[in-house]
Amino acid sequence: MFVCVCNAVTENDIRSAASRGVDSLEALTSELNVGGCCGSCCEIATECLNNALVTAQPAA
């Protein structure tokens, strides 16, 4: 699913960025330009990133 239509960024792109160490919306914007145009994707992009970070963490 596209998260940022303006920059053609998908959920998979965000998961991939999270696996490379991206851990904030600011870093995601720097890496993929998410929210760099209209900004309407920022909330869902943050949610996708947070989900990716939780999923990527090993179980305690």
N, C-alpha and C. Protein backbone atom coordinates (compact mmCIF):
# COMPACT_ATOMS: atom_id res chain seq x y z
N MET A 1 0.84 -1.18 0.00
CA MET A 1 0.00 0.00 0.00
C MET A 1 0.89 1.24 0.00
N PHE A 2 0.49 2.24 -0.78
CA PHE A 2 1.21 3.50 -0.76
C PHE A 2 0.85 4.27 0.50
N VAL A 3 1.87 4.76 1.18
CA VAL A 3 1.69 5.59 2.36
C VAL A 3 1.82 7.05 1.96
N CYS A 4 2.82 7.35 1.18
CA CYS A 4 3.07 8.71 0.69
C CYS A 4 2.91 8.69 -0.83
N VAL A 5 1.76 9.15 -1.30
CA VAL A 5 1.48 9.15 -2.72
C VAL A 5 2.38 10.15 -3.45
N CYS A 6 2.62 11.28 -2.83
CA CYS A 6 3.43 12.33 -3.46
C CYS A 6 4.82 11.81 -3.87
N ASN A 7 5.39 10.94 -3.03
CA ASN A 7 6.75 10.45 -3.28
C ASN A 7 6.80 8.94 -3.53
N ALA A 8 5.63 8.33 -3.76
CA ALA A 8 5.53 6.90 -4.10
C ALA A 8 6.23 6.01 -3.08
N VAL A 9 6.00 6.28 -1.80
CA VAL A 9 6.60 5.49 -0.72
C VAL A 9 5.56 4.51 -0.20
N THR A 10 5.96 3.24 -0.13
CA THR A 10 5.05 2.18 0.31
C THR A 10 5.37 1.75 1.74
N GLU A 11 4.47 0.93 2.28
CA GLU A 11 4.71 0.33 3.60
C GLU A 11 6.01 -0.48 3.58
N ASN A 12 6.24 -1.19 2.50
CA ASN A 12 7.48 -1.99 2.40
C ASN A 12 8.72 -1.11 2.43
N ASP A 13 8.65 0.05 1.79
CA ASP A 13 9.77 0.99 1.84
C ASP A 13 10.05 1.43 3.27
N ILE A 14 8.99 1.67 4.03
CA ILE A 14 9.13 2.11 5.42
C ILE A 14 9.69 0.98 6.28
N ARG A 15 9.20 -0.25 6.07
CA ARG A 15 9.75 -1.40 6.82
C ARG A 15 11.23 -1.58 6.51
N SER A 16 11.59 -1.43 5.27
CA SER A 16 12.99 -1.56 4.86
C SER A 16 13.85 -0.48 5.52
N ALA A 17 13.34 0.73 5.55
CA ALA A 17 14.07 1.83 6.20
C ALA A 17 14.24 1.55 7.68
N ALA A 18 13.21 1.03 8.32
CA ALA A 18 13.28 0.70 9.75
C ALA A 18 14.36 -0.36 9.99
N SER A 19 14.46 -1.31 9.10
CA SER A 19 15.48 -2.36 9.25
C SER A 19 16.89 -1.81 9.08
N ARG A 20 17.01 -0.66 8.43
CA ARG A 20 18.32 0.00 8.26
C ARG A 20 18.61 0.99 9.38
N GLY A 21 17.71 1.07 10.38
CA GLY A 21 17.98 1.92 11.52
C GLY A 21 17.18 3.21 11.58
N VAL A 22 16.33 3.48 10.60
CA VAL A 22 15.49 4.67 10.66
C VAL A 22 14.48 4.48 11.80
N ASP A 23 14.43 5.45 12.71
CA ASP A 23 13.59 5.26 13.90
C ASP A 23 12.75 6.47 14.28
N SER A 24 12.59 7.41 13.35
CA SER A 24 11.76 8.58 13.63
C SER A 24 11.20 9.12 12.32
N LEU A 25 10.14 9.91 12.42
CA LEU A 25 9.58 10.52 11.22
C LEU A 25 10.60 11.44 10.56
N GLU A 26 11.36 12.14 11.36
CA GLU A 26 12.37 13.04 10.80
C GLU A 26 13.40 12.27 9.97
N ALA A 27 13.85 11.13 10.50
CA ALA A 27 14.81 10.31 9.77
C ALA A 27 14.16 9.70 8.52
N LEU A 28 12.90 9.32 8.64
CA LEU A 28 12.17 8.76 7.50
C LEU A 28 12.02 9.82 6.40
N THR A 29 11.73 11.04 6.80
CA THR A 29 11.62 12.13 5.83
C THR A 29 12.96 12.37 5.15
N SER A 30 14.03 12.32 5.92
CA SER A 30 15.36 12.51 5.36
C SER A 30 15.72 11.39 4.38
N GLU A 31 15.37 10.17 4.74
CA GLU A 31 15.71 9.00 3.93
C GLU A 31 14.82 8.85 2.70
N LEU A 32 13.50 9.00 2.87
CA LEU A 32 12.55 8.70 1.80
C LEU A 32 11.71 9.89 1.35
N ASN A 33 11.89 11.02 1.99
CA ASN A 33 11.12 12.25 1.73
C ASN A 33 9.64 12.09 2.05
N VAL A 34 9.32 11.16 2.96
CA VAL A 34 7.94 11.00 3.41
C VAL A 34 7.51 12.28 4.11
N GLY A 35 6.38 12.81 3.73
CA GLY A 35 5.88 14.05 4.33
C GLY A 35 6.58 15.28 3.81
N GLY A 36 7.41 15.13 2.82
CA GLY A 36 8.18 16.25 2.30
C GLY A 36 7.41 17.16 1.36
N CYS A 37 6.23 16.74 0.95
CA CYS A 37 5.42 17.58 0.05
C CYS A 37 4.23 18.15 0.81
N CYS A 38 3.12 17.44 0.78
CA CYS A 38 1.90 17.98 1.39
C CYS A 38 1.78 17.67 2.88
N GLY A 39 2.45 16.60 3.34
CA GLY A 39 2.44 16.26 4.76
C GLY A 39 1.25 15.46 5.23
N SER A 40 0.31 15.16 4.34
CA SER A 40 -0.88 14.44 4.78
C SER A 40 -0.60 12.99 5.17
N CYS A 41 0.56 12.47 4.82
CA CYS A 41 0.90 11.09 5.13
C CYS A 41 1.64 10.92 6.45
N CYS A 42 1.98 11.99 7.11
CA CYS A 42 2.84 11.90 8.29
C CYS A 42 2.29 11.00 9.39
N GLU A 43 1.00 11.08 9.64
CA GLU A 43 0.42 10.28 10.71
C GLU A 43 0.48 8.79 10.39
N ILE A 44 0.08 8.40 9.19
CA ILE A 44 0.11 6.99 8.82
C ILE A 44 1.54 6.49 8.64
N ALA A 45 2.43 7.34 8.16
CA ALA A 45 3.83 6.96 8.02
C ALA A 45 4.45 6.67 9.39
N THR A 46 4.14 7.51 10.37
CA THR A 46 4.63 7.29 11.73
C THR A 46 4.09 5.99 12.29
N GLU A 47 2.82 5.73 12.05
CA GLU A 47 2.21 4.48 12.53
C GLU A 47 2.88 3.26 11.88
N CYS A 48 3.11 3.32 10.58
CA CYS A 48 3.78 2.22 9.88
C CYS A 48 5.20 2.03 10.39
N LEU A 49 5.90 3.12 10.61
CA LEU A 49 7.26 3.03 11.13
C LEU A 49 7.28 2.42 12.52
N ASN A 50 6.40 2.88 13.38
CA ASN A 50 6.34 2.33 14.75
C ASN A 50 6.02 0.84 14.73
N ASN A 51 5.09 0.43 13.87
CA ASN A 51 4.76 -0.99 13.75
C ASN A 51 5.96 -1.78 13.25
N ALA A 52 6.68 -1.24 12.31
CA ALA A 52 7.86 -1.93 11.78
C ALA A 52 8.93 -2.06 12.85
N LEU A 53 9.11 -1.03 13.65
CA LEU A 53 10.12 -1.07 14.71
C LEU A 53 9.76 -2.09 15.77
N VAL A 54 8.49 -2.18 16.15
CA VAL A 54 8.04 -3.16 17.15
C VAL A 54 8.20 -4.57 16.61
N THR A 55 7.83 -4.77 15.37
CA THR A 55 7.92 -6.08 14.74
C THR A 55 9.37 -6.54 14.60
N ALA A 56 10.25 -5.60 14.36
CA ALA A 56 11.67 -5.93 14.15
C ALA A 56 12.41 -6.26 15.42
N GLN A 57 11.87 -5.86 16.57
CA GLN A 57 12.56 -6.10 17.84
C GLN A 57 12.43 -7.56 18.23
N PRO A 58 13.52 -8.16 18.67
CA PRO A 58 13.44 -9.55 19.14
C PRO A 58 12.62 -9.64 20.41
N ALA A 59 11.95 -10.75 20.59
CA ALA A 59 11.14 -10.97 21.79
C ALA A 59 12.04 -11.06 23.01
N ALA A 60 11.57 -10.48 24.10
CA ALA A 60 12.38 -10.48 25.34
C ALA A 60 12.20 -11.78 26.08
